[in-house]
Amino acid sequence: MSNARPTPNRRRREIDPEEEARIEAFAQQAETLRPAQPEPEQQAAKAPVTIQAARSAQPAKAAKDKSYTFRMTEDTLNELRDAAAEEDRSIQWVFDRILLPALRNRSATN
């Protein structure tokens, strides 16, 4: 038994030489048009100071890296969708701005 590799089931389709040349020219053009990466100190010098100041003034947000699945009936889901539609916001916004504060107030009063 030989160790030769089997021939692949899929082969590259035959392309006429003109199309192959157009593909090669396009690939070469894309490589030559790539902008050179500026050095970090050049990037820092070009960045507006006001943007950097605004970024440093914003408080850091907590990372949202957890995901939970809620089981609910179709009616409950429709109520949630209606609440989001009334506020013209997303369901996540309804959770963050309406449901969670209500839960916090409930636990604070108990």
PDB file of N, CA and C in Angstrom:
ATOM      1  N   MET A   1       0.842  -1.174   0.000  1.00  0.00           N
ATOM      2  CA  MET A   1       0.000   0.000   0.000  1.00  0.00           C
ATOM      3  C   MET A   1       0.889   1.239   0.000  1.00  0.00           C
ATOM      4  N   SER A   2       0.607   2.176  -0.849  1.00  0.00           N
ATOM      5  CA  SER A   2       1.453   3.362  -0.962  1.00  0.00           C
ATOM      6  C   SER A   2       0.955   4.460  -0.028  1.00  0.00           C
ATOM      7  N   ASN A   3       1.840   5.367   0.275  1.00  0.00           N
ATOM      8  CA  ASN A   3       1.503   6.496   1.146  1.00  0.00           C
ATOM      9  C   ASN A   3       1.087   7.718   0.348  1.00  0.00           C
ATOM     10  N   ALA A   4       0.758   7.541  -0.892  1.00  0.00           N
ATOM     11  CA  ALA A   4       0.368   8.666  -1.738  1.00  0.00           C
ATOM     12  C   ALA A   4      -0.965   9.222  -1.260  1.00  0.00           C
ATOM     13  N   ARG A   5      -1.080  10.533  -1.333  1.00  0.00           N
ATOM     14  CA  ARG A   5      -2.328  11.180  -0.922  1.00  0.00           C
ATOM     15  C   ARG A   5      -3.402  10.911  -1.956  1.00  0.00           C
ATOM     16  N   PRO A   6      -4.620  10.708  -1.521  1.00  0.00           N
ATOM     17  CA  PRO A   6      -5.697  10.512  -2.483  1.00  0.00           C
ATOM     18  C   PRO A   6      -6.002  11.821  -3.196  1.00  0.00           C
ATOM     19  N   THR A   7      -6.519  11.730  -4.365  1.00  0.00           N
ATOM     20  CA  THR A   7      -6.878  12.937  -5.105  1.00  0.00           C
ATOM     21  C   THR A   7      -8.089  13.572  -4.442  1.00  0.00           C
ATOM     22  N   PRO A   8      -8.086  14.878  -4.315  1.00  0.00           N
ATOM     23  CA  PRO A   8      -9.229  15.527  -3.660  1.00  0.00           C
ATOM     24  C   PRO A   8     -10.495  15.384  -4.498  1.00  0.00           C
ATOM     25  N   ASN A   9     -11.603  15.390  -3.798  1.00  0.00           N
ATOM     26  CA  ASN A   9     -12.891  15.276  -4.479  1.00  0.00           C
ATOM     27  C   ASN A   9     -13.232  16.548  -5.242  1.00  0.00           C
ATOM     28  N   ARG A  10     -12.793  17.663  -4.704  1.00  0.00           N
ATOM     29  CA  ARG A  10     -13.091  18.940  -5.367  1.00  0.00           C
ATOM     30  C   ARG A  10     -11.819  19.474  -5.995  1.00  0.00           C
ATOM     31  N   ARG A  11     -11.942  19.928  -7.141  1.00  0.00           N
ATOM     32  CA  ARG A  11     -10.810  20.527  -7.835  1.00  0.00           C
ATOM     33  C   ARG A  11     -11.160  21.951  -8.214  1.00  0.00           C
ATOM     34  N   ARG A  12     -10.141  22.767  -8.338  1.00  0.00           N
ATOM     35  CA  ARG A  12     -10.359  24.144  -8.753  1.00  0.00           C
ATOM     36  C   ARG A  12     -10.870  24.147 -10.180  1.00  0.00           C
ATOM     37  N   ARG A  13     -11.904  24.938 -10.386  1.00  0.00           N
ATOM     38  CA  ARG A  13     -12.470  24.985 -11.732  1.00  0.00           C
ATOM     39  C   ARG A  13     -11.490  25.620 -12.697  1.00  0.00           C
ATOM     40  N   GLU A  14     -11.612  25.253 -13.924  1.00  0.00           N
ATOM     41  CA  GLU A  14     -10.734  25.800 -14.952  1.00  0.00           C
ATOM     42  C   GLU A  14     -11.106  27.256 -15.210  1.00  0.00           C
ATOM     43  N   ILE A  15     -10.113  28.137 -15.223  1.00  0.00           N
ATOM     44  CA  ILE A  15     -10.325  29.561 -15.470  1.00  0.00           C
ATOM     45  C   ILE A  15      -9.537  29.924 -16.721  1.00  0.00           C
ATOM     46  N   ASP A  16     -10.168  30.721 -17.577  1.00  0.00           N
ATOM     47  CA  ASP A  16      -9.456  31.119 -18.788  1.00  0.00           C
ATOM     48  C   ASP A  16      -8.303  32.054 -18.406  1.00  0.00           C
ATOM     49  N   PRO A  17      -7.259  32.079 -19.186  1.00  0.00           N
ATOM     50  CA  PRO A  17      -6.063  32.854 -18.845  1.00  0.00           C
ATOM     51  C   PRO A  17      -6.326  34.344 -18.657  1.00  0.00           C
ATOM     52  N   GLU A  18      -7.294  34.929 -19.381  1.00  0.00           N
ATOM     53  CA  GLU A  18      -7.596  36.347 -19.219  1.00  0.00           C
ATOM     54  C   GLU A  18      -8.158  36.633 -17.830  1.00  0.00           C
ATOM     55  N   GLU A  19      -9.081  35.780 -17.391  1.00  0.00           N
ATOM     56  CA  GLU A  19      -9.670  35.973 -16.077  1.00  0.00           C
ATOM     57  C   GLU A  19      -8.610  35.774 -14.994  1.00  0.00           C
ATOM     58  N   GLU A  20      -7.749  34.802 -15.171  1.00  0.00           N
ATOM     59  CA  GLU A  20      -6.650  34.572 -14.229  1.00  0.00           C
ATOM     60  C   GLU A  20      -5.749  35.801 -14.142  1.00  0.00           C
ATOM     61  N   ALA A  21      -5.482  36.436 -15.268  1.00  0.00           N
ATOM     62  CA  ALA A  21      -4.645  37.644 -15.290  1.00  0.00           C
ATOM     63  C   ALA A  21      -5.344  38.794 -14.574  1.00  0.00           C
ATOM     64  N   ARG A  22      -6.671  38.935 -14.783  1.00  0.00           N
ATOM     65  CA  ARG A  22      -7.422  39.996 -14.090  1.00  0.00           C
ATOM     66  C   ARG A  22      -7.395  39.779 -12.578  1.00  0.00           C
ATOM     67  N   ILE A  23      -7.533  38.535 -12.154  1.00  0.00           N
ATOM     68  CA  ILE A  23      -7.496  38.227 -10.719  1.00  0.00           C
ATOM     69  C   ILE A  23      -6.126  38.567 -10.149  1.00  0.00           C
ATOM     70  N   GLU A  24      -5.093  38.203 -10.840  1.00  0.00           N
ATOM     71  CA  GLU A  24      -3.734  38.477 -10.376  1.00  0.00           C
ATOM     72  C   GLU A  24      -3.472  39.975 -10.313  1.00  0.00           C
ATOM     73  N   ALA A  25      -3.930  40.724 -11.326  1.00  0.00           N
ATOM     74  CA  ALA A  25      -3.743  42.175 -11.340  1.00  0.00           C
ATOM     75  C   ALA A  25      -4.494  42.818 -10.176  1.00  0.00           C
ATOM     76  N   PHE A  26      -5.688  42.341  -9.900  1.00  0.00           N
ATOM     77  CA  PHE A  26      -6.469  42.872  -8.781  1.00  0.00           C
ATOM     78  C   PHE A  26      -5.760  42.607  -7.462  1.00  0.00           C
ATOM     79  N   ALA A  27      -5.223  41.403  -7.301  1.00  0.00           N
ATOM     80  CA  ALA A  27      -4.507  41.063  -6.069  1.00  0.00           C
ATOM     81  C   ALA A  27      -3.275  41.938  -5.904  1.00  0.00           C
ATOM     82  N   GLN A  28      -2.561  42.185  -6.958  1.00  0.00           N
ATOM     83  CA  GLN A  28      -1.381  43.039  -6.887  1.00  0.00           C
ATOM     84  C   GLN A  28      -1.761  44.474  -6.541  1.00  0.00           C
ATOM     85  N   GLN A  29      -2.869  44.952  -7.112  1.00  0.00           N
ATOM     86  CA  GLN A  29      -3.320  46.311  -6.838  1.00  0.00           C
ATOM     87  C   GLN A  29      -3.707  46.448  -5.368  1.00  0.00           C
ATOM     88  N   ALA A  30      -4.391  45.456  -4.836  1.00  0.00           N
ATOM     89  CA  ALA A  30      -4.791  45.509  -3.433  1.00  0.00           C
ATOM     90  C   ALA A  30      -3.575  45.541  -2.520  1.00  0.00           C
ATOM     91  N   GLU A  31      -2.536  44.802  -2.845  1.00  0.00           N
ATOM     92  CA  GLU A  31      -1.333  44.796  -2.023  1.00  0.00           C
ATOM     93  C   GLU A  31      -0.600  46.119  -2.089  1.00  0.00           C
ATOM     94  N   THR A  32      -0.587  46.763  -3.251  1.00  0.00           N
ATOM     95  CA  THR A  32       0.148  48.014  -3.380  1.00  0.00           C
ATOM     96  C   THR A  32      -0.626  49.193  -2.819  1.00  0.00           C
ATOM     97  N   LEU A  33      -1.948  49.109  -2.708  1.00  0.00           N
ATOM     98  CA  LEU A  33      -2.741  50.219  -2.192  1.00  0.00           C
ATOM     99  C   LEU A  33      -2.877  50.198  -0.679  1.00  0.00           C
ATOM    100  N   ARG A  34      -2.414  49.158  -0.032  1.00  0.00           N
ATOM    101  CA  ARG A  34      -2.517  49.069   1.422  1.00  0.00           C
ATOM    102  C   ARG A  34      -1.692  50.199   2.028  1.00  0.00           C
ATOM    103  N   PRO A  35      -2.303  51.020   2.895  1.00  0.00           N
ATOM    104  CA  PRO A  35      -1.542  52.129   3.485  1.00  0.00           C
ATOM    105  C   PRO A  35      -0.509  51.594   4.467  1.00  0.00           C
ATOM    106  N   ALA A  36       0.578  52.302   4.544  1.00  0.00           N
ATOM    107  CA  ALA A  36       1.624  51.926   5.498  1.00  0.00           C
ATOM    108  C   ALA A  36       1.122  52.217   6.903  1.00  0.00           C
ATOM    109  N   GLN A  37       1.475  51.377   7.844  1.00  0.00           N
ATOM    110  CA  GLN A  37       1.059  51.575   9.227  1.00  0.00           C
ATOM    111  C   GLN A  37       1.904  52.683   9.850  1.00  0.00           C
ATOM    112  N   PRO A  38       1.259  53.767  10.304  1.00  0.00           N
ATOM    113  CA  PRO A  38       2.043  54.833  10.936  1.00  0.00           C
ATOM    114  C   PRO A  38       2.573  54.365  12.293  1.00  0.00           C
ATOM    115  N   GLU A  39       3.648  54.957  12.694  1.00  0.00           N
ATOM    116  CA  GLU A  39       4.229  54.609  13.977  1.00  0.00           C
ATOM    117  C   GLU A  39       3.335  55.140  15.087  1.00  0.00           C
ATOM    118  N   PRO A  40       3.337  54.501  16.278  1.00  0.00           N
ATOM    119  CA  PRO A  40       2.438  54.918  17.368  1.00  0.00           C
ATOM    120  C   PRO A  40       2.570  56.378  17.765  1.00  0.00           C
ATOM    121  N   GLU A  41       3.786  56.922  17.778  1.00  0.00           N
ATOM    122  CA  GLU A  41       3.925  58.325  18.171  1.00  0.00           C
ATOM    123  C   GLU A  41       3.346  59.262  17.127  1.00  0.00           C
ATOM    124  N   GLN A  42       3.361  58.844  15.842  1.00  0.00           N
ATOM    125  CA  GLN A  42       2.735  59.647  14.802  1.00  0.00           C
ATOM    126  C   GLN A  42       1.223  59.630  14.967  1.00  0.00           C
ATOM    127  N   GLN A  43       0.649  58.477  15.317  1.00  0.00           N
ATOM    128  CA  GLN A  43      -0.791  58.397  15.536  1.00  0.00           C
ATOM    129  C   GLN A  43      -1.199  59.275  16.703  1.00  0.00           C
ATOM    130  N   ALA A  44      -0.434  59.260  17.776  1.00  0.00           N
ATOM    131  CA  ALA A  44      -0.768  60.060  18.946  1.00  0.00           C
ATOM    132  C   ALA A  44      -0.680  61.544  18.634  1.00  0.00           C
ATOM    133  N   ALA A  45       0.277  61.923  17.804  1.00  0.00           N
ATOM    134  CA  ALA A  45       0.439  63.332  17.451  1.00  0.00           C
ATOM    135  C   ALA A  45      -0.710  63.821  16.583  1.00  0.00           C
ATOM    136  N   LYS A  46      -1.269  62.954  15.742  1.00  0.00           N
ATOM    137  CA  LYS A  46      -2.344  63.347  14.840  1.00  0.00           C
ATOM    138  C   LYS A  46      -3.708  63.362  15.523  1.00  0.00           C
ATOM    139  N   ALA A  47      -3.883  62.606  16.600  1.00  0.00           N
ATOM    140  CA  ALA A  47      -5.183  62.500  17.256  1.00  0.00           C
ATOM    141  C   ALA A  47      -5.526  63.820  17.933  1.00  0.00           C
ATOM    142  N   PRO A  48      -6.763  64.300  17.758  1.00  0.00           N
ATOM    143  CA  PRO A  48      -7.160  65.547  18.402  1.00  0.00           C
ATOM    144  C   PRO A  48      -7.166  65.398  19.922  1.00  0.00           C
ATOM    145  N   VAL A  49      -6.732  66.445  20.592  1.00  0.00           N
ATOM    146  CA  VAL A  49      -6.649  66.423  22.045  1.00  0.00           C
ATOM    147  C   VAL A  49      -8.037  66.344  22.660  1.00  0.00           C
ATOM    148  N   THR A  50      -9.028  66.974  22.027  1.00  0.00           N
ATOM    149  CA  THR A  50     -10.368  66.990  22.597  1.00  0.00           C
ATOM    150  C   THR A  50     -10.969  65.594  22.668  1.00  0.00           C
ATOM    151  N   ILE A  51     -10.687  64.749  21.691  1.00  0.00           N
ATOM    152  CA  ILE A  51     -11.204  63.383  21.712  1.00  0.00           C
ATOM    153  C   ILE A  51     -10.562  62.610  22.845  1.00  0.00           C
ATOM    154  N   GLN A  52      -9.260  62.758  23.025  1.00  0.00           N
ATOM    155  CA  GLN A  52      -8.579  62.055  24.109  1.00  0.00           C
ATOM    156  C   GLN A  52      -9.092  62.520  25.457  1.00  0.00           C
ATOM    157  N   ALA A  53      -9.337  63.814  25.619  1.00  0.00           N
ATOM    158  CA  ALA A  53      -9.845  64.328  26.884  1.00  0.00           C
ATOM    159  C   ALA A  53     -11.248  63.815  27.146  1.00  0.00           C
ATOM    160  N   ALA A  54     -12.068  63.738  26.105  1.00  0.00           N
ATOM    161  CA  ALA A  54     -13.436  63.251  26.269  1.00  0.00           C
ATOM    162  C   ALA A  54     -13.433  61.775  26.646  1.00  0.00           C
ATOM    163  N   ARG A  55     -12.537  61.013  26.074  1.00  0.00           N
ATOM    164  CA  ARG A  55     -12.457  59.597  26.413  1.00  0.00           C
ATOM    165  C   ARG A  55     -12.043  59.396  27.854  1.00  0.00           C
ATOM    166  N   SER A  56     -11.101  60.189  28.333  1.00  0.00           N
ATOM    167  CA  SER A  56     -10.641  60.015  29.708  1.00  0.00           C
ATOM    168  C   SER A  56     -11.678  60.511  30.705  1.00  0.00           C
ATOM    169  N   ALA A  57     -12.570  61.404  30.293  1.00  0.00           N
ATOM    170  CA  ALA A  57     -13.584  61.935  31.199  1.00  0.00           C
ATOM    171  C   ALA A  57     -14.754  60.968  31.390  1.00  0.00           C
ATOM    172  N   GLN A  58     -14.947  60.037  30.463  1.00  0.00           N
ATOM    173  CA  GLN A  58     -16.058  59.103  30.576  1.00  0.00           C
ATOM    174  C   GLN A  58     -15.744  58.042  31.612  1.00  0.00           C
ATOM    175  N   PRO A  59     -16.730  57.710  32.463  1.00  0.00           N
ATOM    176  CA  PRO A  59     -16.480  56.646  33.440  1.00  0.00           C
ATOM    177  C   PRO A  59     -16.413  55.293  32.746  1.00  0.00           C
ATOM    178  N   ALA A  60     -15.607  54.416  33.290  1.00  0.00           N
ATOM    179  CA  ALA A  60     -15.459  53.074  32.717  1.00  0.00           C
ATOM    180  C   ALA A  60     -16.729  52.286  32.978  1.00  0.00           C
ATOM    181  N   LYS A  61     -17.220  51.593  31.956  1.00  0.00           N
ATOM    182  CA  LYS A  61     -18.421  50.782  32.091  1.00  0.00           C
ATOM    183  C   LYS A  61     -18.036  49.372  32.487  1.00  0.00           C
ATOM    184  N   ALA A  62     -18.897  48.751  33.244  1.00  0.00           N
ATOM    185  CA  ALA A  62     -18.658  47.364  33.634  1.00  0.00           C
ATOM    186  C   ALA A  62     -18.804  46.476  32.411  1.00  0.00           C
ATOM    187  N   ALA A  63     -17.959  45.478  32.321  1.00  0.00           N
ATOM    188  CA  ALA A  63     -18.013  44.565  31.185  1.00  0.00           C
ATOM    189  C   ALA A  63     -19.283  43.725  31.247  1.00  0.00           C
ATOM    190  N   LYS A  64     -19.929  43.598  30.109  1.00  0.00           N
ATOM    191  CA  LYS A  64     -21.142  42.779  30.023  1.00  0.00           C
ATOM    192  C   LYS A  64     -20.766  41.497  29.303  1.00  0.00           C
ATOM    193  N   ASP A  65     -20.340  40.531  30.076  1.00  0.00           N
ATOM    194  CA  ASP A  65     -19.850  39.316  29.460  1.00  0.00           C
ATOM    195  C   ASP A  65     -20.685  38.090  29.793  1.00  0.00           C
ATOM    196  N   LYS A  66     -21.770  38.266  30.481  1.00  0.00           N
ATOM    197  CA  LYS A  66     -22.623  37.138  30.829  1.00  0.00           C
ATOM    198  C   LYS A  66     -23.894  37.188  29.999  1.00  0.00           C
ATOM    199  N   SER A  67     -24.431  36.036  29.742  1.00  0.00           N
ATOM    200  CA  SER A  67     -25.669  35.940  28.983  1.00  0.00           C
ATOM    201  C   SER A  67     -26.591  34.983  29.710  1.00  0.00           C
ATOM    202  N   TYR A  68     -27.841  35.333  29.806  1.00  0.00           N
ATOM    203  CA  TYR A  68     -28.817  34.492  30.478  1.00  0.00           C
ATOM    204  C   TYR A  68     -30.012  34.281  29.573  1.00  0.00           C
ATOM    205  N   THR A  69     -30.643  33.147  29.735  1.00  0.00           N
ATOM    206  CA  THR A  69     -31.838  32.833  28.983  1.00  0.00           C
ATOM    207  C   THR A  69     -33.016  32.844  29.948  1.00  0.00           C
ATOM    208  N   PHE A  70     -34.057  33.555  29.584  1.00  0.00           N
ATOM    209  CA  PHE A  70     -35.254  33.605  30.399  1.00  0.00           C
ATOM    210  C   PHE A  70     -36.351  32.812  29.708  1.00  0.00           C
ATOM    211  N   ARG A  71     -36.978  31.950  30.461  1.00  0.00           N
ATOM    212  CA  ARG A  71     -38.110  31.207  29.933  1.00  0.00           C
ATOM    213  C   ARG A  71     -39.365  31.992  30.268  1.00  0.00           C
ATOM    214  N   MET A  72     -40.211  32.189  29.287  1.00  0.00           N
ATOM    215  CA  MET A  72     -41.451  32.928  29.502  1.00  0.00           C
ATOM    216  C   MET A  72     -42.480  32.479  28.485  1.00  0.00           C
ATOM    217  N   THR A  73     -43.705  32.775  28.817  1.00  0.00           N
ATOM    218  CA  THR A  73     -44.781  32.423  27.897  1.00  0.00           C
ATOM    219  C   THR A  73     -44.807  33.411  26.746  1.00  0.00           C
ATOM    220  N   GLU A  74     -45.535  33.077  25.740  1.00  0.00           N
ATOM    221  CA  GLU A  74     -45.661  33.973  24.588  1.00  0.00           C
ATOM    222  C   GLU A  74     -46.327  35.281  25.009  1.00  0.00           C
ATOM    223  N   ASP A  75     -47.289  35.207  25.930  1.00  0.00           N
ATOM    224  CA  ASP A  75     -47.957  36.421  26.410  1.00  0.00           C
ATOM    225  C   ASP A  75     -46.984  37.335  27.158  1.00  0.00           C
ATOM    226  N   THR A  76     -46.148  36.749  27.992  1.00  0.00           N
ATOM    227  CA  THR A  76     -45.166  37.544  28.732  1.00  0.00           C
ATOM    228  C   THR A  76     -44.171  38.187  27.773  1.00  0.00           C
ATOM    229  N   LEU A  77     -43.735  37.433  26.777  1.00  0.00           N
ATOM    230  CA  LEU A  77     -42.820  37.980  25.785  1.00  0.00           C
ATOM    231  C   LEU A  77     -43.476  39.123  25.019  1.00  0.00           C
ATOM    232  N   ASN A  78     -44.739  38.962  24.676  1.00  0.00           N
ATOM    233  CA  ASN A  78     -45.454  40.043  23.974  1.00  0.00           C
ATOM    234  C   ASN A  78     -45.574  41.280  24.852  1.00  0.00           C
ATOM    235  N   GLU A  79     -45.801  41.103  26.165  1.00  0.00           N
ATOM    236  CA  GLU A  79     -45.848  42.244  27.075  1.00  0.00           C
ATOM    237  C   GLU A  79     -44.501  42.968  27.108  1.00  0.00           C
ATOM    238  N   LEU A  80     -43.432  42.185  27.120  1.00  0.00           N
ATOM    239  CA  LEU A  80     -42.099  42.768  27.127  1.00  0.00           C
ATOM    240  C   LEU A  80     -41.835  43.517  25.825  1.00  0.00           C
ATOM    241  N   ARG A  81     -42.222  42.928  24.722  1.00  0.00           N
ATOM    242  CA  ARG A  81     -42.059  43.598  23.426  1.00  0.00           C
ATOM    243  C   ARG A  81     -42.891  44.872  23.356  1.00  0.00           C
ATOM    244  N   ASP A  82     -44.112  44.830  23.894  1.00  0.00           N
ATOM    245  CA  ASP A  82     -44.969  46.019  23.895  1.00  0.00           C
ATOM    246  C   ASP A  82     -44.349  47.140  24.730  1.00  0.00           C
ATOM    247  N   ALA A  83     -43.781  46.767  25.885  1.00  0.00           N
ATOM    248  CA  ALA A  83     -43.130  47.780  26.724  1.00  0.00           C
ATOM    249  C   ALA A  83     -41.959  48.412  25.990  1.00  0.00           C
ATOM    250  N   ALA A  84     -41.194  47.603  25.283  1.00  0.00           N
ATOM    251  CA  ALA A  84     -40.072  48.135  24.510  1.00  0.00           C
ATOM    252  C   ALA A  84     -40.569  49.015  23.373  1.00  0.00           C
ATOM    253  N   ALA A  85     -41.652  48.615  22.726  1.00  0.00           N
ATOM    254  CA  ALA A  85     -42.199  49.403  21.626  1.00  0.00           C
ATOM    255  C   ALA A  85     -42.755  50.739  22.127  1.00  0.00           C
ATOM    256  N   GLU A  86     -43.395  50.738  23.301  1.00  0.00           N
ATOM    257  CA  GLU A  86     -43.920  51.984  23.866  1.00  0.00           C
ATOM    258  C   GLU A  86     -42.805  52.986  24.120  1.00  0.00           C
ATOM    259  N   GLU A  87     -41.690  52.503  24.587  1.00  0.00           N
ATOM    260  CA  GLU A  87     -40.553  53.373  24.873  1.00  0.00           C
ATOM    261  C   GLU A  87     -39.702  53.631  23.630  1.00  0.00           C
ATOM    262  N   ASP A  88     -40.016  52.921  22.545  1.00  0.00           N
ATOM    263  CA  ASP A  88     -39.233  52.983  21.307  1.00  0.00           C
ATOM    264  C   ASP A  88     -37.769  52.649  21.602  1.00  0.00           C
ATOM    265  N   ARG A  89     -37.590  51.576  22.373  1.00  0.00           N
ATOM    266  CA  ARG A  89     -36.269  51.119  22.793  1.00  0.00           C
ATOM    267  C   ARG A  89     -36.167  49.614  22.594  1.00  0.00           C
ATOM    268  N   SER A  90     -35.017  49.073  22.937  1.00  0.00           N
ATOM    269  CA  SER A  90     -34.805  47.629  22.825  1.00  0.00           C
ATOM    270  C   SER A  90     -35.276  46.926  24.090  1.00  0.00           C
ATOM    271  N   ILE A  91     -35.427  45.626  23.984  1.00  0.00           N
ATOM    272  CA  ILE A  91     -35.804  44.829  25.147  1.00  0.00           C
ATOM    273  C   ILE A  91     -34.716  44.924  26.209  1.00  0.00           C
ATOM    274  N   GLN A  92     -33.452  44.958  25.806  1.00  0.00           N
ATOM    275  CA  GLN A  92     -32.355  45.099  26.766  1.00  0.00           C
ATOM    276  C   GLN A  92     -32.482  46.405  27.536  1.00  0.00           C
ATOM    277  N   TRP A  93     -32.890  47.467  26.856  1.00  0.00           N
ATOM    278  CA  TRP A  93     -33.067  48.755  27.517  1.00  0.00           C
ATOM    279  C   TRP A  93     -34.167  48.651  28.557  1.00  0.00           C
ATOM    280  N   VAL A  94     -35.248  47.951  28.230  1.00  0.00           N
ATOM    281  CA  VAL A  94     -36.351  47.765  29.184  1.00  0.00           C
ATOM    282  C   VAL A  94     -35.834  47.037  30.419  1.00  0.00           C
ATOM    283  N   PHE A  95     -35.023  46.007  30.220  1.00  0.00           N
ATOM    284  CA  PHE A  95     -34.440  45.303  31.360  1.00  0.00           C
ATOM    285  C   PHE A  95     -33.581  46.241  32.201  1.00  0.00           C
ATOM    286  N   ASP A  96     -32.687  46.974  31.544  1.00  0.00           N
ATOM    287  CA  ASP A  96     -31.734  47.816  32.267  1.00  0.00           C
ATOM    288  C   ASP A  96     -32.375  49.009  32.955  1.00  0.00           C
ATOM    289  N   ARG A  97     -33.344  49.636  32.318  1.00  0.00           N
ATOM    290  CA  ARG A  97     -33.880  50.899  32.834  1.00  0.00           C
ATOM    291  C   ARG A  97     -35.208  50.782  33.562  1.00  0.00           C
ATOM    292  N   ILE A  98     -35.958  49.706  33.347  1.00  0.00           N
ATOM    293  CA  ILE A  98     -37.268  49.585  33.983  1.00  0.00           C
ATOM    294  C   ILE A  98     -37.310  48.410  34.951  1.00  0.00           C
ATOM    295  N   LEU A  99     -36.996  47.215  34.464  1.00  0.00           N
ATOM    296  CA  LEU A  99     -37.130  46.029  35.309  1.00  0.00           C
ATOM    297  C   LEU A  99     -36.097  45.979  36.433  1.00  0.00           C
ATOM    298  N   LEU A 100     -34.836  46.212  36.135  1.00  0.00           N
ATOM    299  CA  LEU A 100     -33.811  46.135  37.171  1.00  0.00           C
ATOM    300  C   LEU A 100     -33.990  47.195  38.257  1.00  0.00           C
ATOM    301  N   PRO A 101     -34.279  48.457  37.906  1.00  0.00           N
ATOM    302  CA  PRO A 101     -34.550  49.432  38.984  1.00  0.00           C
ATOM    303  C   PRO A 101     -35.767  49.047  39.821  1.00  0.00           C
ATOM    304  N   ALA A 102     -36.791  48.475  39.194  1.00  0.00           N
ATOM    305  CA  ALA A 102     -37.962  48.042  39.961  1.00  0.00           C
ATOM    306  C   ALA A 102     -37.575  46.934  40.938  1.00  0.00           C
ATOM    307  N   LEU A 103     -36.748  46.016  40.511  1.00  0.00           N
ATOM    308  CA  LEU A 103     -36.289  44.943  41.404  1.00  0.00           C
ATOM    309  C   LEU A 103     -35.423  45.508  42.537  1.00  0.00           C
ATOM    310  N   ARG A 104     -34.575  46.456  42.229  1.00  0.00           N
ATOM    311  CA  ARG A 104     -33.735  47.058  43.276  1.00  0.00           C
ATOM    312  C   ARG A 104     -34.584  47.805  44.293  1.00  0.00           C
ATOM    313  N   ASN A 105     -35.602  48.529  43.823  1.00  0.00           N
ATOM    314  CA  ASN A 105     -36.493  49.256  44.742  1.00  0.00           C
ATOM    315  C   ASN A 105     -37.273  48.284  45.613  1.00  0.00           C
ATOM    316  N   ARG A 106     -37.688  47.177  45.027  1.00  0.00           N
ATOM    317  CA  ARG A 106     -38.429  46.176  45.782  1.00  0.00           C
ATOM    318  C   ARG A 106     -37.573  45.583  46.893  1.00  0.00           C
ATOM    319  N   SER A 107     -36.320  45.278  46.571  1.00  0.00           N
ATOM    320  CA  SER A 107     -35.440  44.681  47.584  1.00  0.00           C
ATOM    321  C   SER A 107     -35.025  45.719  48.622  1.00  0.00           C
ATOM    322  N   ALA A 108     -34.985  46.993  48.270  1.00  0.00           N
ATOM    323  CA  ALA A 108     -34.620  48.035  49.210  1.00  0.00           C
ATOM    324  C   ALA A 108     -35.735  48.295  50.219  1.00  0.00           C
ATOM    325  N   THR A 109     -36.972  48.122  49.803  1.00  0.00           N
ATOM    326  CA  THR A 109     -38.105  48.365  50.708  1.00  0.00           C
ATOM    327  C   THR A 109     -38.379  47.174  51.615  1.00  0.00           C
ATOM    328  N   ASN A 110     -37.891  46.007  51.266  1.00  0.00           N
ATOM    329  CA  ASN A 110     -38.133  44.818  52.109  1.00  0.00           C
ATOM    330  C   ASN A 110     -37.168  44.731  53.216  1.00  0.00           C
TER     331      ASN A 110
END
